[in-house]
PDB file of N, CA and C in Angstrom:
ATOM      1  N   MET A   1       0.850  -1.201  -0.020  1.00  0.00           N
ATOM      2  CA  MET A   1      -0.030   0.069   0.058  1.00  0.00           C
ATOM      3  C   MET A   1       0.961   1.250   0.012  1.00  0.00           C
ATOM      4  N   THR A   2       0.421   2.214  -0.619  1.00  0.00           N
ATOM      5  CA  THR A   2       1.140   3.479  -0.794  1.00  0.00           C
ATOM      6  C   THR A   2       0.470   4.566  -0.064  1.00  0.00           C
ATOM      7  N   THR A   3       1.175   5.335   0.605  1.00  0.00           N
ATOM      8  CA  THR A   3       0.675   6.497   1.301  1.00  0.00           C
ATOM      9  C   THR A   3       1.302   7.819   0.851  1.00  0.00           C
ATOM     10  N   ASN A   4       2.020   7.743  -0.291  1.00  0.00           N
ATOM     11  CA  ASN A   4       2.658   8.980  -0.846  1.00  0.00           C
ATOM     12  C   ASN A   4       1.668   9.932  -1.429  1.00  0.00           C
ATOM     13  N   ASP A   5       1.668  11.130  -0.909  1.00  0.00           N
ATOM     14  CA  ASP A   5       0.608  12.100  -1.402  1.00  0.00           C
ATOM     15  C   ASP A   5       0.798  12.490  -2.852  1.00  0.00           C
ATOM     16  N   ASN A   6       1.958  12.140  -3.587  1.00  0.00           N
ATOM     17  CA  ASN A   6       2.204  12.471  -4.957  1.00  0.00           C
ATOM     18  C   ASN A   6       1.523  11.324  -5.765  1.00  0.00           C
ATOM     19  N   ASN A   7       1.249  10.315  -5.224  1.00  0.00           N
ATOM     20  CA  ASN A   7       0.631   9.077  -5.957  1.00  0.00           C
ATOM     21  C   ASN A   7      -0.862   9.523  -6.228  1.00  0.00           C
ATOM     22  N   PRO A   8      -1.218   9.681  -7.526  1.00  0.00           N
ATOM     23  CA  PRO A   8      -2.737   9.968  -7.809  1.00  0.00           C
ATOM     24  C   PRO A   8      -3.659   8.923  -7.428  1.00  0.00           C
ATOM     25  N   ASP A   9      -3.301   7.667  -7.197  1.00  0.00           N
ATOM     26  CA  ASP A   9      -4.189   6.612  -6.905  1.00  0.00           C
ATOM     27  C   ASP A   9      -3.681   5.867  -5.631  1.00  0.00           C
ATOM     28  N   ARG A  10      -3.397   6.705  -4.628  1.00  0.00           N
ATOM     29  CA  ARG A  10      -2.953   6.157  -3.302  1.00  0.00           C
ATOM     30  C   ARG A  10      -3.946   5.538  -2.452  1.00  0.00           C
ATOM     31  N   PHE A  11      -3.698   4.736  -1.522  1.00  0.00           N
ATOM     32  CA  PHE A  11      -4.735   4.158  -0.621  1.00  0.00           C
ATOM     33  C   PHE A  11      -5.040   5.090   0.564  1.00  0.00           C
ATOM     34  N   ILE A  12      -6.253   5.230   0.828  1.00  0.00           N
ATOM     35  CA  ILE A  12      -6.744   6.043   2.000  1.00  0.00           C
ATOM     36  C   ILE A  12      -7.348   5.025   3.025  1.00  0.00           C
ATOM     37  N   MET A  13      -6.628   5.080   4.107  1.00  0.00           N
ATOM     38  CA  MET A  13      -7.065   4.069   5.111  1.00  0.00           C
ATOM     39  C   MET A  13      -8.284   4.643   5.892  1.00  0.00           C
ATOM     40  N   ARG A  14      -9.013   3.695   6.591  1.00  0.00           N
ATOM     41  CA  ARG A  14     -10.306   4.126   7.212  1.00  0.00           C
ATOM     42  C   ARG A  14     -10.227   5.337   8.165  1.00  0.00           C
ATOM     43  N   ASP A  15      -9.203   5.335   9.004  1.00  0.00           N
ATOM     44  CA  ASP A  15      -9.052   6.474   9.900  1.00  0.00           C
ATOM     45  C   ASP A  15      -8.694   7.795   9.307  1.00  0.00           C
ATOM     46  N   GLU A  16      -7.933   7.681   8.125  1.00  0.00           N
ATOM     47  CA  GLU A  16      -7.625   8.932   7.366  1.00  0.00           C
ATOM     48  C   GLU A  16      -8.880   9.469   6.545  1.00  0.00           C
ATOM     49  N   LEU A  17      -9.759   8.407   6.139  1.00  0.00           N
ATOM     50  CA  LEU A  17     -10.883   8.833   5.380  1.00  0.00           C
ATOM     51  C   LEU A  17     -11.955   9.415   6.402  1.00  0.00           C
ATOM     52  N   ALA A  18     -12.028   8.954   7.480  1.00  0.00           N
ATOM     53  CA  ALA A  18     -13.000   9.477   8.620  1.00  0.00           C
ATOM     54  C   ALA A  18     -12.534  10.838   8.979  1.00  0.00           C
ATOM     55  N   LYS A  19     -11.328  11.174   9.152  1.00  0.00           N
ATOM     56  CA  LYS A  19     -10.841  12.530   9.370  1.00  0.00           C
ATOM     57  C   LYS A  19     -11.125  13.431   8.188  1.00  0.00           C
ATOM     58  N   ALA A  20     -11.055  13.017   6.990  1.00  0.00           N
ATOM     59  CA  ALA A  20     -11.115  13.741   5.807  1.00  0.00           C
ATOM     60  C   ALA A  20     -12.662  14.071   5.626  1.00  0.00           C
ATOM     61  N   LEU A  21     -13.588  13.253   6.191  1.00  0.00           N
ATOM     62  CA  LEU A  21     -14.911  13.355   5.991  1.00  0.00           C
ATOM     63  C   LEU A  21     -15.544  14.185   7.141  1.00  0.00           C
ATOM     64  N   GLY A  22     -14.677  15.008   7.856  1.00  0.00           N
ATOM     65  CA  GLY A  22     -15.131  15.911   8.898  1.00  0.00           C
ATOM     66  C   GLY A  22     -15.059  15.248  10.222  1.00  0.00           C
ATOM     67  N   GLY A  23     -14.181  14.239  10.438  1.00  0.00           N
ATOM     68  CA  GLY A  23     -14.021  13.599  11.719  1.00  0.00           C
ATOM     69  C   GLY A  23     -15.127  12.727  12.167  1.00  0.00           C
ATOM     70  N   VAL A  24     -15.714  12.067  11.272  1.00  0.00           N
ATOM     71  CA  VAL A  24     -16.866  11.183  11.568  1.00  0.00           C
ATOM     72  C   VAL A  24     -16.313  10.010  12.386  1.00  0.00           C
ATOM     73  N   CYS A  25     -17.266   9.339  13.215  1.00  0.00           N
ATOM     74  CA  CYS A  25     -16.902   8.294  14.105  1.00  0.00           C
ATOM     75  C   CYS A  25     -16.928   6.965  13.251  1.00  0.00           C
ATOM     76  N   SER A  26     -16.390   5.917  13.770  1.00  0.00           N
ATOM     77  CA  SER A  26     -16.408   4.574  13.109  1.00  0.00           C
ATOM     78  C   SER A  26     -17.750   4.057  12.918  1.00  0.00           C
ATOM     79  N   GLU A  27     -18.617   4.329  13.843  1.00  0.00           N
ATOM     80  CA  GLU A  27     -19.958   3.846  13.754  1.00  0.00           C
ATOM     81  C   GLU A  27     -20.766   4.647  12.476  1.00  0.00           C
ATOM     82  N   THR A  28     -20.415   5.828  12.219  1.00  0.00           N
ATOM     83  CA  THR A  28     -20.974   6.627  11.163  1.00  0.00           C
ATOM     84  C   THR A  28     -20.407   6.097   9.870  1.00  0.00           C
ATOM     85  N   MET A  29     -19.071   5.555   9.808  1.00  0.00           N
ATOM     86  CA  MET A  29     -18.628   5.016   8.674  1.00  0.00           C
ATOM     87  C   MET A  29     -19.211   3.665   8.357  1.00  0.00           C
ATOM     88  N   ARG A  30     -19.501   2.954   9.459  1.00  0.00           N
ATOM     89  CA  ARG A  30     -20.171   1.604   9.321  1.00  0.00           C
ATOM     90  C   ARG A  30     -21.458   1.784   8.629  1.00  0.00           C
ATOM     91  N   ARG A  31     -22.265   2.812   9.140  1.00  0.00           N
ATOM     92  CA  ARG A  31     -23.669   2.989   8.695  1.00  0.00           C
ATOM     93  C   ARG A  31     -23.564   3.414   7.233  1.00  0.00           C
ATOM     94  N   TRP A  32     -22.684   4.319   6.826  1.00  0.00           N
ATOM     95  CA  TRP A  32     -22.529   4.792   5.554  1.00  0.00           C
ATOM     96  C   TRP A  32     -22.202   3.646   4.449  1.00  0.00           C
ATOM     97  N   LEU A  33     -21.284   2.719   4.927  1.00  0.00           N
ATOM     98  CA  LEU A  33     -21.083   1.623   4.163  1.00  0.00           C
ATOM     99  C   LEU A  33     -22.263   0.776   3.975  1.00  0.00           C
ATOM    100  N   LYS A  34     -23.024   0.557   5.026  1.00  0.00           N
ATOM    101  CA  LYS A  34     -24.112  -0.404   4.916  1.00  0.00           C
ATOM    102  C   LYS A  34     -25.188   0.264   4.095  1.00  0.00           C
ATOM    103  N   ALA A  35     -25.223   1.604   4.110  1.00  0.00           N
ATOM    104  CA  ALA A  35     -26.332   2.354   3.305  1.00  0.00           C
ATOM    105  C   ALA A  35     -25.778   2.606   1.924  1.00  0.00           C
ATOM    106  N   LYS A  36     -24.596   2.255   1.641  1.00  0.00           N
ATOM    107  CA  LYS A  36     -23.891   2.375   0.285  1.00  0.00           C
ATOM    108  C   LYS A  36     -23.716   3.851  -0.029  1.00  0.00           C
ATOM    109  N   LYS A  37     -23.485   4.667   1.036  1.00  0.00           N
ATOM    110  CA  LYS A  37     -23.054   6.073   0.881  1.00  0.00           C
ATOM    111  C   LYS A  37     -21.547   6.110   0.577  1.00  0.00           C
ATOM    112  N   LEU A  38     -20.899   5.087   0.981  1.00  0.00           N
ATOM    113  CA  LEU A  38     -19.478   4.805   0.765  1.00  0.00           C
ATOM    114  C   LEU A  38     -19.316   3.693  -0.079  1.00  0.00           C
ATOM    115  N   PRO A  39     -18.388   3.694  -1.001  1.00  0.00           N
ATOM    116  CA  PRO A  39     -18.131   2.477  -1.729  1.00  0.00           C
ATOM    117  C   PRO A  39     -17.479   1.427  -0.920  1.00  0.00           C
ATOM    118  N   PRO A  40     -17.654   0.091  -1.218  1.00  0.00           N
ATOM    119  CA  PRO A  40     -16.875  -0.909  -0.515  1.00  0.00           C
ATOM    120  C   PRO A  40     -15.340  -0.686  -0.517  1.00  0.00           C
ATOM    121  N   PRO A  41     -14.675  -1.118   0.455  1.00  0.00           N
ATOM    122  CA  PRO A  41     -13.284  -0.913   0.538  1.00  0.00           C
ATOM    123  C   PRO A  41     -12.591  -1.695  -0.572  1.00  0.00           C
ATOM    124  N   ASP A  42     -11.505  -1.249  -1.016  1.00  0.00           N
ATOM    125  CA  ASP A  42     -10.664  -1.929  -2.037  1.00  0.00           C
ATOM    126  C   ASP A  42      -9.964  -2.981  -1.365  1.00  0.00           C
ATOM    127  N   VAL A  43      -9.474  -2.800  -0.142  1.00  0.00           N
ATOM    128  CA  VAL A  43      -8.715  -3.780   0.694  1.00  0.00           C
ATOM    129  C   VAL A  43      -9.173  -3.744   1.996  1.00  0.00           C
ATOM    130  N   ALA A  44      -9.278  -5.006   2.635  1.00  0.00           N
ATOM    131  CA  ALA A  44      -9.800  -5.144   3.966  1.00  0.00           C
ATOM    132  C   ALA A  44      -8.662  -6.182   4.581  1.00  0.00           C
ATOM    133  N   LEU A  45      -7.838  -5.566   5.366  1.00  0.00           N
ATOM    134  CA  LEU A  45      -6.698  -6.382   6.090  1.00  0.00           C
ATOM    135  C   LEU A  45      -7.238  -7.031   7.340  1.00  0.00           C
ATOM    136  N   SER A  46      -8.153  -6.380   7.956  1.00  0.00           N
ATOM    137  CA  SER A  46      -8.982  -6.960   9.158  1.00  0.00           C
ATOM    138  C   SER A  46     -10.240  -6.279   9.123  1.00  0.00           C
ATOM    139  N   ARG A  47     -10.941  -6.666  10.158  1.00  0.00           N
ATOM    140  CA  ARG A  47     -12.333  -5.960  10.382  1.00  0.00           C
ATOM    141  C   ARG A  47     -12.281  -4.473  10.438  1.00  0.00           C
ATOM    142  N   LYS A  48     -11.186  -4.034  11.171  1.00  0.00           N
ATOM    143  CA  LYS A  48     -11.068  -2.573  11.433  1.00  0.00           C
ATOM    144  C   LYS A  48     -10.142  -1.886  10.431  1.00  0.00           C
ATOM    145  N   THR A  49      -9.337  -2.678   9.756  1.00  0.00           N
ATOM    146  CA  THR A  49      -8.268  -2.106   8.944  1.00  0.00           C
ATOM    147  C   THR A  49      -8.699  -2.183   7.350  1.00  0.00           C
ATOM    148  N   LYS A  50      -9.244  -1.085   6.860  1.00  0.00           N
ATOM    149  CA  LYS A  50      -9.760  -1.084   5.521  1.00  0.00           C
ATOM    150  C   LYS A  50      -9.166   0.025   4.846  1.00  0.00           C
ATOM    151  N   GLY A  51      -9.155  -0.053   3.552  1.00  0.00           N
ATOM    152  CA  GLY A  51      -8.587   1.065   2.762  1.00  0.00           C
ATOM    153  C   GLY A  51      -9.307   1.211   1.367  1.00  0.00           C
ATOM    154  N   TRP A  52      -9.295   2.397   0.861  1.00  0.00           N
ATOM    155  CA  TRP A  52      -9.873   2.708  -0.468  1.00  0.00           C
ATOM    156  C   TRP A  52      -8.865   3.227  -1.310  1.00  0.00           C
ATOM    157  N   ARG A  53      -8.860   3.031  -2.584  1.00  0.00           N
ATOM    158  CA  ARG A  53      -8.073   3.735  -3.505  1.00  0.00           C
ATOM    159  C   ARG A  53      -8.716   5.141  -3.770  1.00  0.00           C
ATOM    160  N   LEU A  54      -8.002   6.137  -3.894  1.00  0.00           N
ATOM    161  CA  LEU A  54      -8.334   7.469  -4.155  1.00  0.00           C
ATOM    162  C   LEU A  54      -9.282   7.468  -5.299  1.00  0.00           C
ATOM    163  N   SER A  55      -8.921   6.733  -6.365  1.00  0.00           N
ATOM    164  CA  SER A  55      -9.795   6.707  -7.565  1.00  0.00           C
ATOM    165  C   SER A  55     -11.127   6.108  -7.324  1.00  0.00           C
ATOM    166  N   THR A  56     -11.239   5.189  -6.471  1.00  0.00           N
ATOM    167  CA  THR A  56     -12.592   4.476  -6.076  1.00  0.00           C
ATOM    168  C   THR A  56     -13.374   5.586  -5.387  1.00  0.00           C
ATOM    169  N   LEU A  57     -12.795   6.272  -4.460  1.00  0.00           N
ATOM    170  CA  LEU A  57     -13.610   7.295  -3.725  1.00  0.00           C
ATOM    171  C   LEU A  57     -14.077   8.397  -4.767  1.00  0.00           C
ATOM    172  N   ARG A  58     -13.196   8.910  -5.665  1.00  0.00           N
ATOM    173  CA  ARG A  58     -13.514   9.875  -6.622  1.00  0.00           C
ATOM    174  C   ARG A  58     -14.664   9.406  -7.564  1.00  0.00           C
ATOM    175  N   ALA A  59     -14.494   8.114  -7.941  1.00  0.00           N
ATOM    176  CA  ALA A  59     -15.598   7.558  -8.857  1.00  0.00           C
ATOM    177  C   ALA A  59     -17.013   7.594  -8.115  1.00  0.00           C
ATOM    178  N   ALA A  60     -16.946   7.509  -6.792  1.00  0.00           N
ATOM    179  CA  ALA A  60     -18.196   7.502  -6.010  1.00  0.00           C
ATOM    180  C   ALA A  60     -18.598   8.886  -5.764  1.00  0.00           C
ATOM    181  N   GLY A  61     -17.993   9.930  -6.183  1.00  0.00           N
ATOM    182  CA  GLY A  61     -18.254  11.305  -5.883  1.00  0.00           C
ATOM    183  C   GLY A  61     -17.747  11.772  -4.684  1.00  0.00           C
ATOM    184  N   ILE A  62     -16.730  11.279  -4.032  1.00  0.00           N
ATOM    185  CA  ILE A  62     -16.133  11.707  -2.847  1.00  0.00           C
ATOM    186  C   ILE A  62     -14.806  12.295  -3.145  1.00  0.00           C
ATOM    187  N   ASN A  63     -14.670  13.557  -3.171  1.00  0.00           N
ATOM    188  CA  ASN A  63     -13.535  14.279  -3.563  1.00  0.00           C
ATOM    189  C   ASN A  63     -12.750  14.776  -2.375  1.00  0.00           C
ATOM    190  N   LEU A  64     -11.667  14.240  -2.168  1.00  0.00           N
ATOM    191  CA  LEU A  64     -10.728  14.643  -1.046  1.00  0.00           C
ATOM    192  C   LEU A  64      -9.610  15.521  -1.523  1.00  0.00           C
ATOM    193  N   ALA A  65      -9.226  16.398  -0.806  1.00  0.00           N
ATOM    194  CA  ALA A  65      -8.081  17.340  -1.121  1.00  0.00           C
ATOM    195  C   ALA A  65      -6.792  16.645  -1.165  1.00  0.00           C
TER     196      ALA A  65
END
């Protein structure tokens, strides 16, 4: 997994995504996933360790700086 900011398709891990979405809690993230407001993660290393490609989030209409 890459976390280099210069990589246009880097991975965004769950905690980083939560902060970027306004500091939402893990329960909110879980509800949004269930309601399909967030796309499914591209990688799930464990129940709590999930990550999305930046391109996946952008394709779902979630634009992060």
